[in-house]
Amino acid sequence: METAYLALASTVFALHLVFVLAVAPSTAALCRGYYRTRPLFFFAHCICVYSMALAQLLLRACPLVPLEHMLREAGGGAPWYSGSFILFVVERVTGIHLPVALIASLSILVVVLTTAALLEARLRVVPSPVRTAAAR
């Protein structure tokens, strides 16, 4: 049974890694207008970003971190890291220790860019009466 818990913990870690690694290119694609003709990708991006933001706001942490730690401990292992998942991954891959404020700032920037794109998409879809009258 311990092996199953450790496998689940590793799966949570892998999913978390995929999520984190997908956010940067997805936000870049969003800023370049890639999602204008791909509404399902835009919808998926918004769900991921806003669920991350809501979890950070309400829980003050990503819920995947304590889930992974709980599964690892249930499997008899020790957590691989404490604190921020992103800081752990960046430090392991690059050897660079980033300040927590930088990670928080980047997360806020992703939310702001996503919100701006969402508002721009809504303004593009629903023409305002002022723009419609000016076009005549």
C-alpha atoms as a PDB file:
ATOM      1  CA  MET A   1       0.000   0.000   0.000  1.00  0.00           C
ATOM      2  CA  GLU A   2       2.918   2.332   0.689  1.00  0.00           C
ATOM      3  CA  THR A   3       4.048   1.998  -2.912  1.00  0.00           C
ATOM      4  CA  ALA A   4       0.631   3.149  -4.120  1.00  0.00           C
ATOM      5  CA  TYR A   5       0.852   6.266  -1.926  1.00  0.00           C
ATOM      6  CA  LEU A   6       4.344   7.039  -3.195  1.00  0.00           C
ATOM      7  CA  ALA A   7       3.199   6.545  -6.800  1.00  0.00           C
ATOM      8  CA  LEU A   8       0.262   8.896  -6.196  1.00  0.00           C
ATOM      9  CA  ALA A   9       2.591  11.463  -4.619  1.00  0.00           C
ATOM     10  CA  SER A  10       4.906  11.268  -7.624  1.00  0.00           C
ATOM     11  CA  THR A  11       1.896  11.660  -9.933  1.00  0.00           C
ATOM     12  CA  VAL A  12       0.787  14.784  -8.059  1.00  0.00           C
ATOM     13  CA  PHE A  13       4.347  16.127  -8.320  1.00  0.00           C
ATOM     14  CA  ALA A  14       4.415  15.446 -12.090  1.00  0.00           C
ATOM     15  CA  LEU A  15       1.011  17.061 -12.653  1.00  0.00           C
ATOM     16  CA  HIS A  16       2.096  20.065 -10.625  1.00  0.00           C
ATOM     17  CA  LEU A  17       5.260  20.337 -12.716  1.00  0.00           C
ATOM     18  CA  VAL A  18       3.296  20.144 -15.984  1.00  0.00           C
ATOM     19  CA  PHE A  19       0.899  22.815 -14.736  1.00  0.00           C
ATOM     20  CA  VAL A  20       3.720  25.174 -13.754  1.00  0.00           C
ATOM     21  CA  LEU A  21       5.678  24.587 -16.966  1.00  0.00           C
ATOM     22  CA  ALA A  22       2.560  25.127 -19.098  1.00  0.00           C
ATOM     23  CA  VAL A  23       1.571  28.472 -17.568  1.00  0.00           C
ATOM     24  CA  ALA A  24       4.469  30.524 -18.984  1.00  0.00           C
ATOM     25  CA  PRO A  25       4.119  29.461 -22.633  1.00  0.00           C
ATOM     26  CA  SER A  26       0.345  29.593 -22.356  1.00  0.00           C
ATOM     27  CA  THR A  27       0.503  33.182 -21.095  1.00  0.00           C
ATOM     28  CA  ALA A  28       2.947  34.071 -23.879  1.00  0.00           C
ATOM     29  CA  ALA A  29       0.551  32.564 -26.438  1.00  0.00           C
ATOM     30  CA  LEU A  30      -2.265  34.539 -24.851  1.00  0.00           C
ATOM     31  CA  CYS A  31      -0.323  37.808 -25.160  1.00  0.00           C
ATOM     32  CA  ARG A  32       0.532  37.111 -28.800  1.00  0.00           C
ATOM     33  CA  GLY A  33      -3.156  36.639 -29.657  1.00  0.00           C
ATOM     34  CA  TYR A  34      -2.904  32.902 -30.328  1.00  0.00           C
ATOM     35  CA  TYR A  35      -6.105  32.197 -28.407  1.00  0.00           C
ATOM     36  CA  ARG A  36      -8.258  34.648 -30.382  1.00  0.00           C
ATOM     37  CA  THR A  37      -9.207  31.889 -32.792  1.00  0.00           C
ATOM     38  CA  ARG A  38      -8.979  29.080 -30.245  1.00  0.00           C
ATOM     39  CA  PRO A  39     -11.619  29.712 -27.581  1.00  0.00           C
ATOM     40  CA  LEU A  40     -11.285  26.291 -25.929  1.00  0.00           C
ATOM     41  CA  PHE A  41      -7.581  26.842 -25.257  1.00  0.00           C
ATOM     42  CA  PHE A  42      -8.379  30.314 -23.946  1.00  0.00           C
ATOM     43  CA  PHE A  43     -11.070  28.866 -21.679  1.00  0.00           C
ATOM     44  CA  ALA A  44      -8.684  26.177 -20.379  1.00  0.00           C
ATOM     45  CA  HIS A  45      -5.981  28.791 -19.743  1.00  0.00           C
ATOM     46  CA  CYS A  46      -8.415  30.980 -17.798  1.00  0.00           C
ATOM     47  CA  ILE A  47      -9.620  28.044 -15.687  1.00  0.00           C
ATOM     48  CA  CYS A  48      -6.037  27.077 -14.799  1.00  0.00           C
ATOM     49  CA  VAL A  49      -4.902  30.607 -13.997  1.00  0.00           C
ATOM     50  CA  TYR A  50      -7.953  31.616 -11.977  1.00  0.00           C
ATOM     51  CA  SER A  51      -8.052  28.330 -10.046  1.00  0.00           C
ATOM     52  CA  MET A  52      -4.387  28.911  -9.133  1.00  0.00           C
ATOM     53  CA  ALA A  53      -5.139  32.487  -8.089  1.00  0.00           C
ATOM     54  CA  LEU A  54      -8.206  31.489  -6.075  1.00  0.00           C
ATOM     55  CA  ALA A  55      -6.284  28.745  -4.270  1.00  0.00           C
ATOM     56  CA  GLN A  56      -3.467  31.165  -3.441  1.00  0.00           C
ATOM     57  CA  LEU A  57      -5.942  33.761  -2.232  1.00  0.00           C
ATOM     58  CA  LEU A  58      -8.067  31.455  -0.087  1.00  0.00           C
ATOM     59  CA  LEU A  59      -5.528  28.875   1.085  1.00  0.00           C
ATOM     60  CA  ARG A  60      -2.342  30.986   0.957  1.00  0.00           C
ATOM     61  CA  ALA A  61      -0.683  28.013  -0.759  1.00  0.00           C
ATOM     62  CA  CYS A  62      -1.153  25.643  -3.637  1.00  0.00           C
ATOM     63  CA  PRO A  63      -3.287  22.712  -2.474  1.00  0.00           C
ATOM     64  CA  LEU A  64      -1.125  20.274  -4.450  1.00  0.00           C
ATOM     65  CA  VAL A  65       1.866  20.780  -2.134  1.00  0.00           C
ATOM     66  CA  PRO A  66       0.201  19.524   1.084  1.00  0.00           C
ATOM     67  CA  LEU A  67      -1.544  16.766  -0.913  1.00  0.00           C
ATOM     68  CA  GLU A  68       1.780  15.522  -2.255  1.00  0.00           C
ATOM     69  CA  HIS A  69       3.416  15.724   1.178  1.00  0.00           C
ATOM     70  CA  MET A  70       0.498  13.878   2.803  1.00  0.00           C
ATOM     71  CA  LEU A  71       0.682  11.078   0.211  1.00  0.00           C
ATOM     72  CA  ARG A  72       4.464  10.789   0.573  1.00  0.00           C
ATOM     73  CA  GLU A  73       4.229  10.568   4.357  1.00  0.00           C
ATOM     74  CA  ALA A  74       1.400   8.003   4.098  1.00  0.00           C
ATOM     75  CA  GLY A  75       3.706   5.951   1.893  1.00  0.00           C
ATOM     76  CA  GLY A  76       6.487   6.072   4.484  1.00  0.00           C
ATOM     77  CA  GLY A  77       8.620   8.589   2.611  1.00  0.00           C
ATOM     78  CA  ALA A  78       9.703  12.077   3.474  1.00  0.00           C
ATOM     79  CA  PRO A  79       8.646  15.149   1.494  1.00  0.00           C
ATOM     80  CA  TRP A  80      11.208  16.173  -1.119  1.00  0.00           C
ATOM     81  CA  TYR A  81      10.923  19.851  -0.267  1.00  0.00           C
ATOM     82  CA  SER A  82       9.324  22.308   2.077  1.00  0.00           C
ATOM     83  CA  GLY A  83       7.905  25.632   1.059  1.00  0.00           C
ATOM     84  CA  SER A  84       7.331  26.702  -2.521  1.00  0.00           C
ATOM     85  CA  PHE A  85       7.152  24.075  -5.243  1.00  0.00           C
ATOM     86  CA  ILE A  86       8.328  26.549  -7.897  1.00  0.00           C
ATOM     87  CA  LEU A  87      11.328  27.620  -5.816  1.00  0.00           C
ATOM     88  CA  PHE A  88      12.257  23.974  -5.309  1.00  0.00           C
ATOM     89  CA  VAL A  89      12.036  23.156  -9.037  1.00  0.00           C
ATOM     90  CA  VAL A  90      13.958  26.267 -10.146  1.00  0.00           C
ATOM     91  CA  GLU A  91      16.684  25.664  -7.574  1.00  0.00           C
ATOM     92  CA  ARG A  92      17.030  21.980  -8.512  1.00  0.00           C
ATOM     93  CA  VAL A  93      17.160  22.666 -12.254  1.00  0.00           C
ATOM     94  CA  THR A  94      19.260  25.844 -12.326  1.00  0.00           C
ATOM     95  CA  GLY A  95      20.909  26.076  -8.916  1.00  0.00           C
ATOM     96  CA  ILE A  96      19.517  29.604  -8.577  1.00  0.00           C
ATOM     97  CA  HIS A  97      17.619  30.524  -5.431  1.00  0.00           C
ATOM     98  CA  LEU A  98      14.877  32.989  -6.385  1.00  0.00           C
ATOM     99  CA  PRO A  99      13.212  35.307  -3.887  1.00  0.00           C
ATOM    100  CA  VAL A 100       9.658  34.366  -2.933  1.00  0.00           C
ATOM    101  CA  ALA A 101       8.515  37.886  -3.871  1.00  0.00           C
ATOM    102  CA  LEU A 102       9.604  37.290  -7.471  1.00  0.00           C
ATOM    103  CA  ILE A 103       7.475  34.152  -7.762  1.00  0.00           C
ATOM    104  CA  ALA A 104       4.503  35.970  -6.227  1.00  0.00           C
ATOM    105  CA  SER A 105       4.998  38.904  -8.605  1.00  0.00           C
ATOM    106  CA  LEU A 106       5.131  36.613 -11.635  1.00  0.00           C
ATOM    107  CA  SER A 107       1.944  34.883 -10.503  1.00  0.00           C
ATOM    108  CA  ILE A 108       0.201  38.238 -10.164  1.00  0.00           C
ATOM    109  CA  LEU A 109       1.473  39.264 -13.604  1.00  0.00           C
ATOM    110  CA  VAL A 110      -0.011  36.099 -15.156  1.00  0.00           C
ATOM    111  CA  VAL A 111      -3.384  36.849 -13.544  1.00  0.00           C
ATOM    112  CA  VAL A 112      -3.278  40.494 -14.702  1.00  0.00           C
ATOM    113  CA  LEU A 113      -2.367  39.535 -18.285  1.00  0.00           C
ATOM    114  CA  THR A 114      -5.095  36.883 -18.360  1.00  0.00           C
ATOM    115  CA  THR A 115      -7.666  39.332 -17.016  1.00  0.00           C
ATOM    116  CA  ALA A 116      -6.628  41.951 -19.587  1.00  0.00           C
ATOM    117  CA  ALA A 117      -6.993  39.398 -22.394  1.00  0.00           C
ATOM    118  CA  LEU A 118     -10.365  38.311 -21.047  1.00  0.00           C
ATOM    119  CA  LEU A 119     -11.604  41.904 -20.941  1.00  0.00           C
ATOM    120  CA  GLU A 120     -10.224  42.567 -24.422  1.00  0.00           C
ATOM    121  CA  ALA A 121     -12.002  39.474 -25.747  1.00  0.00           C
ATOM    122  CA  ARG A 122     -15.285  40.572 -24.152  1.00  0.00           C
ATOM    123  CA  LEU A 123     -14.971  44.073 -25.633  1.00  0.00           C
ATOM    124  CA  ARG A 124     -14.198  42.598 -29.036  1.00  0.00           C
ATOM    125  CA  VAL A 125     -17.208  40.254 -28.949  1.00  0.00           C
ATOM    126  CA  VAL A 126     -19.754  42.697 -27.543  1.00  0.00           C
ATOM    127  CA  PRO A 127     -19.588  45.966 -29.486  1.00  0.00           C
ATOM    128  CA  SER A 128     -20.370  49.039 -27.469  1.00  0.00           C
ATOM    129  CA  PRO A 129     -23.181  51.361 -28.593  1.00  0.00           C
ATOM    130  CA  VAL A 130     -20.660  54.204 -28.881  1.00  0.00           C
ATOM    131  CA  ARG A 131     -18.476  52.239 -31.333  1.00  0.00           C
ATOM    132  CA  THR A 132     -21.512  51.089 -33.310  1.00  0.00           C
ATOM    133  CA  ALA A 133     -22.831  54.646 -33.667  1.00  0.00           C
ATOM    134  CA  ALA A 134     -19.387  55.967 -34.636  1.00  0.00           C
ATOM    135  CA  ALA A 135     -19.068  53.321 -37.367  1.00  0.00           C
ATOM    136  CA  ARG A 136     -22.223  54.591 -39.097  1.00  0.00           C
END
